[in-house]
């Protein structure tokens, strides 16, 4: 067994959140550069501004976007790891608090979603998804998620008879309804199967895959290619002004489901597809 301290988690989460806020993963940057080469006219100019924004953010160590997101954290916790303190969730929240304070990140979380909506002033509580895995390590992925793209996401409980056709129509409908609101070019995460909440979680987790890396299942990989082609034919384009590249990628994850259901979730990510990971 291996022990892990609160300080280790706090330090790791703080660094990951601050780094994610100011720099994109290399695969996202490369995909944006490819989109720039493919576009023309005003769409190309907008992509140039998006790419230049990355350079400024990294050089000046300032956020890529004014919306520094709600902190979504995926954790793979080794079965041989023992936590020394009482509540590991508090360690994740403390890491977020420190990142917001030291990184001058915008606090965007309110404590009550309907009535009082008071800002918690430190972007907590964060949202943590735990998965127990083999081993003596802890893998932490911090993925700040802005509201502009999150608000355009959707979930639908399809009937099994709607099948592949229904899944395709729902994904395309969701992207079409989103238009320019989620700041395209977007990444489209799709979760199929499981149940109501499982579909949504795997749709979000699909966004963490390297941009354009296909699903290991050939049937789903083919579906990803088909959907990407259809989405890019919508002519929504960068920031919604029209163009060839509306989406950088479509990533699908799937899970077994009940015989009487076909849950489908579409989680849209903006061009500022921020996430950083570390293992401790």
Protein backbone atom coordinates (compact mmCIF):
# COMPACT_ATOMS: atom_id res chain seq x y z
CA UNK A 1 0.00 0.00 0.00
CA UNK A 2 1.11 3.56 -0.71
CA UNK A 3 0.04 6.65 1.21
CA UNK A 4 -0.80 9.96 -0.41
CA UNK A 5 -1.15 13.26 1.41
CA UNK A 6 -3.59 16.12 1.09
CA UNK A 7 -0.68 18.41 0.19
CA UNK A 8 0.21 16.28 -2.84
CA UNK A 9 -3.32 16.47 -4.24
CA UNK A 10 -3.69 20.20 -3.52
CA UNK A 11 -0.37 21.03 -5.19
CA UNK A 12 -1.14 18.90 -8.26
CA UNK A 13 -4.67 20.21 -8.77
CA UNK A 14 -3.56 23.83 -8.38
CA UNK A 15 -0.83 23.46 -10.99
CA UNK A 16 -3.02 21.56 -13.45
CA UNK A 17 -5.83 24.11 -13.25
CA UNK A 18 -3.50 27.09 -13.64
CA UNK A 19 -1.66 25.45 -16.55
CA UNK A 20 -4.90 24.41 -18.27
CA UNK A 21 -6.21 27.97 -18.08
CA UNK A 22 -3.29 29.41 -20.03
CA UNK A 23 -2.17 26.71 -22.47
CA UNK A 24 -3.89 24.25 -24.78
CA UNK A 25 -2.78 20.64 -25.25
CA UNK A 26 -0.51 20.20 -28.27
CA UNK A 27 -3.06 18.11 -30.17
CA UNK A 28 -5.65 20.90 -29.92
CA UNK A 29 -3.14 23.49 -31.13
CA UNK A 30 -2.17 21.29 -34.07
CA UNK A 31 -5.83 20.77 -34.99
CA UNK A 32 -6.45 24.53 -34.96
CA UNK A 33 -3.40 25.06 -37.18
CA UNK A 34 -4.75 22.46 -39.62
CA UNK A 35 -8.13 24.22 -39.62
CA UNK A 36 -6.36 27.50 -40.38
CA UNK A 37 -4.67 25.94 -43.42
CA UNK A 38 -8.02 24.59 -44.65
CA UNK A 39 -10.00 27.83 -44.33
CA UNK A 40 -10.13 30.95 -46.48
CA UNK A 41 -11.33 34.54 -46.12
CA UNK A 42 -12.83 35.77 -42.87
CA UNK A 43 -12.93 32.27 -41.38
CA UNK A 44 -9.14 32.06 -41.83
CA UNK A 45 -8.67 35.46 -40.18
CA UNK A 46 -10.73 34.38 -37.17
CA UNK A 47 -8.68 31.22 -36.78
CA UNK A 48 -5.51 33.32 -36.92
CA UNK A 49 -6.83 35.41 -34.01
CA UNK A 50 -7.63 32.23 -32.07
CA UNK A 51 -4.11 30.90 -32.69
CA UNK A 52 -2.50 34.27 -31.83
CA UNK A 53 -4.54 34.33 -28.62
CA UNK A 54 -2.84 31.08 -27.56
CA UNK A 55 0.59 32.67 -27.98
CA UNK A 56 -0.33 35.76 -25.96
CA UNK A 57 -1.91 33.70 -23.17
CA UNK A 58 1.14 31.48 -22.81
CA UNK A 59 3.72 34.28 -23.04
CA UNK A 60 1.90 36.58 -20.59
CA UNK A 61 0.59 33.70 -18.44
CA UNK A 62 -3.00 34.91 -18.63
CA UNK A 63 -6.16 32.85 -19.25
CA UNK A 64 -6.97 31.78 -22.80
CA UNK A 65 -10.57 32.84 -22.17
CA UNK A 66 -12.32 35.09 -19.67
CA UNK A 67 -14.51 32.10 -18.77
CA UNK A 68 -12.06 29.94 -16.85
CA UNK A 69 -14.79 27.35 -16.42
CA UNK A 70 -16.13 25.17 -13.71
CA UNK A 71 -13.42 22.72 -12.66
CA UNK A 72 -14.27 19.20 -13.82
CA UNK A 73 -11.79 16.63 -12.49
CA UNK A 74 -11.46 13.00 -13.56
CA UNK A 75 -9.57 10.83 -11.08
CA UNK A 76 -8.23 7.31 -11.54
CA UNK A 77 -7.47 6.19 -8.00
CA UNK A 78 -5.21 3.17 -7.55
CA UNK A 79 -6.63 0.45 -5.32
CA UNK A 80 -3.33 0.32 -3.41
CA UNK A 81 -3.39 4.03 -2.53
CA UNK A 82 -4.39 5.11 0.97
CA UNK A 83 -5.37 8.73 1.59
CA UNK A 84 -3.85 10.14 4.80
CA UNK A 85 -6.54 12.73 5.52
CA UNK A 86 -10.31 12.40 6.05
CA UNK A 87 -11.85 13.84 2.88
CA UNK A 88 -10.03 13.74 -0.48
CA UNK A 89 -12.73 15.91 -2.11
CA UNK A 90 -11.70 18.79 0.12
CA UNK A 91 -8.14 18.47 -1.20
CA UNK A 92 -9.40 18.86 -4.78
CA UNK A 93 -11.45 21.90 -3.77
CA UNK A 94 -8.48 23.46 -2.01
CA UNK A 95 -6.36 23.02 -5.12
CA UNK A 96 -9.02 24.82 -7.15
CA UNK A 97 -9.27 27.64 -4.57
CA UNK A 98 -5.54 28.27 -4.68
CA UNK A 99 -5.42 28.17 -8.48
CA UNK A 100 -8.20 30.76 -8.73
CA UNK A 101 -6.46 33.03 -6.25
CA UNK A 102 -2.89 32.71 -7.49
CA UNK A 103 -3.74 32.48 -11.19
CA UNK A 104 -6.28 35.32 -11.12
CA UNK A 105 -8.90 33.02 -12.60
CA UNK A 106 -12.52 34.11 -12.77
CA UNK A 107 -14.77 32.71 -10.05
CA UNK A 108 -17.86 31.46 -11.88
CA UNK A 109 -19.64 29.12 -9.47
CA UNK A 110 -22.85 30.03 -7.61
CA UNK A 111 -24.00 28.08 -4.57
CA UNK A 112 -27.73 27.91 -5.37
CA UNK A 113 -28.72 27.40 -9.01
CA UNK A 114 -32.22 28.92 -8.80
CA UNK A 115 -32.96 31.26 -5.91
CA UNK A 116 -30.00 33.09 -4.38
CA UNK A 117 -27.20 32.34 -6.91
CA UNK A 118 -24.48 33.71 -4.64
CA UNK A 119 -20.99 33.46 -6.08
CA UNK A 120 -18.78 31.18 -3.98
CA UNK A 121 -15.89 33.51 -4.94
CA UNK A 122 -13.32 30.73 -5.41
CA UNK A 123 -14.85 28.50 -8.13
CA UNK A 124 -15.65 25.72 -5.68
CA UNK A 125 -17.07 23.21 -5.31
CA UNK A 126 -15.41 21.45 -8.22
CA UNK A 127 -16.95 18.40 -9.90
CA UNK A 128 -14.98 15.21 -9.30
CA UNK A 129 -15.49 11.87 -11.06
CA UNK A 130 -13.73 8.99 -9.28
CA UNK A 131 -12.78 5.69 -10.86
CA UNK A 132 -11.07 2.92 -8.91
CA UNK A 133 -8.28 1.23 -10.87
CA UNK A 134 -5.46 -1.22 -10.18
CA UNK A 135 -2.10 -0.01 -8.92
CA UNK A 136 -0.53 2.42 -6.49
CA UNK A 137 -0.81 5.67 -8.47
CA UNK A 138 -3.40 8.42 -8.79
CA UNK A 139 -4.06 10.00 -12.18
CA UNK A 140 -5.71 13.43 -12.13
CA UNK A 141 -7.17 15.19 -15.17
CA UNK A 142 -8.36 18.77 -14.68
CA UNK A 143 -10.69 19.97 -17.44
CA UNK A 144 -12.10 23.50 -16.96
CA UNK A 145 -15.47 23.65 -18.79
CA UNK A 146 -16.89 26.98 -19.87
CA UNK A 147 -20.63 27.66 -19.89
CA UNK A 148 -20.82 28.76 -23.52
CA UNK A 149 -20.18 25.26 -24.80
CA UNK A 150 -21.73 23.42 -21.86
CA UNK A 151 -25.04 25.24 -22.35
CA UNK A 152 -25.22 23.94 -25.92
CA UNK A 153 -24.87 20.32 -24.83
CA UNK A 154 -27.84 17.95 -24.68
CA UNK A 155 -29.02 14.48 -23.68
CA UNK A 156 -31.85 12.45 -25.12
CA UNK A 157 -33.30 9.07 -24.18
CA UNK A 158 -33.90 7.52 -27.58
CA UNK A 159 -35.93 4.40 -28.20
CA UNK A 160 -33.86 1.40 -29.32
CA UNK A 161 -35.86 1.31 -32.55
CA UNK A 162 -34.50 4.75 -33.47
CA UNK A 163 -31.08 3.12 -33.68
CA UNK A 164 -28.18 4.48 -35.66
CA UNK A 165 -30.35 6.86 -37.64
CA UNK A 166 -31.73 8.40 -34.45
CA UNK A 167 -28.26 8.83 -32.95
CA UNK A 168 -26.97 10.58 -36.07
CA UNK A 169 -29.98 12.89 -36.28
CA UNK A 170 -29.71 13.88 -32.63
CA UNK A 171 -25.99 14.69 -32.84
CA UNK A 172 -26.43 16.80 -35.98
CA UNK A 173 -29.52 18.51 -34.57
CA UNK A 174 -27.63 19.44 -31.38
CA UNK A 175 -24.70 20.95 -33.29
CA UNK A 176 -27.02 22.77 -35.71
CA UNK A 177 -29.03 24.27 -32.84
CA UNK A 178 -25.80 25.35 -31.13
CA UNK A 179 -24.67 27.36 -34.15
CA UNK A 180 -21.94 29.82 -33.22
CA UNK A 181 -22.82 29.93 -29.51
CA UNK A 182 -20.18 27.41 -28.31
CA UNK A 183 -17.34 29.30 -30.08
CA UNK A 184 -16.48 26.90 -32.91
CA UNK A 185 -14.47 25.19 -34.19
CA UNK A 186 -15.75 22.75 -31.60
CA UNK A 187 -14.97 19.25 -30.44
CA UNK A 188 -18.07 17.06 -30.17
CA UNK A 189 -18.09 14.45 -27.42
CA UNK A 190 -20.80 11.81 -27.77
CA UNK A 191 -21.75 9.29 -25.11
CA UNK A 192 -23.95 6.38 -26.16
CA UNK A 193 -25.42 3.80 -23.80
CA UNK A 194 -25.19 3.26 -20.08
CA UNK A 195 -28.07 5.18 -18.54
CA UNK A 196 -29.08 8.83 -18.08
CA UNK A 197 -26.00 9.92 -16.11
CA UNK A 198 -23.50 7.45 -17.59
CA UNK A 199 -24.09 8.73 -21.13
CA UNK A 200 -23.38 12.31 -20.03
CA UNK A 201 -20.19 11.40 -18.18
CA UNK A 202 -18.68 9.38 -21.02
CA UNK A 203 -19.62 12.13 -23.50
CA UNK A 204 -17.56 14.56 -21.44
CA UNK A 205 -14.74 12.05 -21.04
CA UNK A 206 -14.70 11.63 -24.84
CA UNK A 207 -13.48 15.23 -25.07
CA UNK A 208 -10.24 14.22 -23.34
CA UNK A 209 -9.16 11.93 -26.17
CA UNK A 210 -6.45 13.33 -28.45
CA UNK A 211 -8.12 15.34 -31.19
CA UNK A 212 -8.99 13.10 -34.11
CA UNK A 213 -7.84 9.87 -32.42
CA UNK A 214 -10.44 7.34 -33.59
CA UNK A 215 -12.46 5.02 -31.41
CA UNK A 216 -10.83 1.58 -31.19
CA UNK A 217 -14.05 -0.01 -32.43
CA UNK A 218 -14.06 0.28 -36.27
CA UNK A 219 -17.84 0.79 -36.42
CA UNK A 220 -17.71 3.72 -34.01
CA UNK A 221 -14.62 5.12 -35.72
CA UNK A 222 -16.54 5.11 -39.03
CA UNK A 223 -19.49 6.83 -37.34
CA UNK A 224 -17.14 9.51 -35.98
CA UNK A 225 -15.86 10.20 -39.50
CA UNK A 226 -19.36 10.36 -40.95
CA UNK A 227 -20.61 12.75 -38.27
CA UNK A 228 -17.58 15.01 -38.60
CA UNK A 229 -18.12 15.26 -42.35
CA UNK A 230 -21.81 16.07 -41.89
CA UNK A 231 -21.11 18.65 -39.18
CA UNK A 232 -18.49 20.41 -41.29
CA UNK A 233 -20.93 20.56 -44.20
CA UNK A 234 -23.31 22.69 -42.07
CA UNK A 235 -21.26 25.81 -42.92
CA UNK A 236 -21.41 27.14 -39.35
CA UNK A 237 -17.66 27.73 -39.43
CA UNK A 238 -15.27 29.42 -36.97
CA UNK A 239 -17.20 31.52 -34.44
CA UNK A 240 -20.35 30.92 -36.50
CA UNK A 241 -19.48 33.16 -39.46
CA UNK A 242 -19.47 30.35 -42.00
CA UNK A 243 -16.65 28.15 -43.23
CA UNK A 244 -15.33 24.67 -43.85
CA UNK A 245 -14.37 23.82 -40.27
CA UNK A 246 -17.18 23.78 -37.72
CA UNK A 247 -15.72 20.89 -35.72
CA UNK A 248 -12.16 19.71 -35.20
CA UNK A 249 -13.28 16.21 -34.25
CA UNK A 250 -16.14 13.98 -33.16
CA UNK A 251 -15.27 11.55 -30.38
CA UNK A 252 -17.72 8.80 -29.39
CA UNK A 253 -17.60 6.63 -26.29
CA UNK A 254 -20.11 3.88 -25.59
CA UNK A 255 -21.25 1.65 -22.74
CA UNK A 256 -23.64 -1.28 -22.32
CA UNK A 257 -27.25 -0.25 -21.71
CA UNK A 258 -30.68 -1.64 -20.81
CA UNK A 259 -32.51 -3.51 -23.58
CA UNK A 260 -35.32 -0.95 -23.50
CA UNK A 261 -33.23 2.21 -23.81
CA UNK A 262 -30.74 4.07 -26.02
CA UNK A 263 -29.34 7.06 -24.10
CA UNK A 264 -27.33 9.56 -26.14
CA UNK A 265 -25.48 12.59 -24.76
CA UNK A 266 -23.73 15.27 -26.78
CA UNK A 267 -21.18 17.34 -24.87
CA UNK A 268 -19.83 20.21 -26.94
CA UNK A 269 -16.41 21.72 -26.29
CA UNK A 270 -15.32 25.13 -27.57
CA UNK A 271 -12.08 25.74 -29.47
CA UNK A 272 -10.42 26.44 -26.12
CA UNK A 273 -10.40 22.73 -25.26
CA UNK A 274 -8.49 22.98 -22.00
CA UNK A 275 -7.34 19.99 -19.98
CA UNK A 276 -4.15 18.94 -18.22
CA UNK A 277 -3.23 15.71 -16.46
CA UNK A 278 -0.65 14.33 -14.06
CA UNK A 279 0.08 11.16 -12.13
CA UNK A 280 1.12 11.17 -8.50
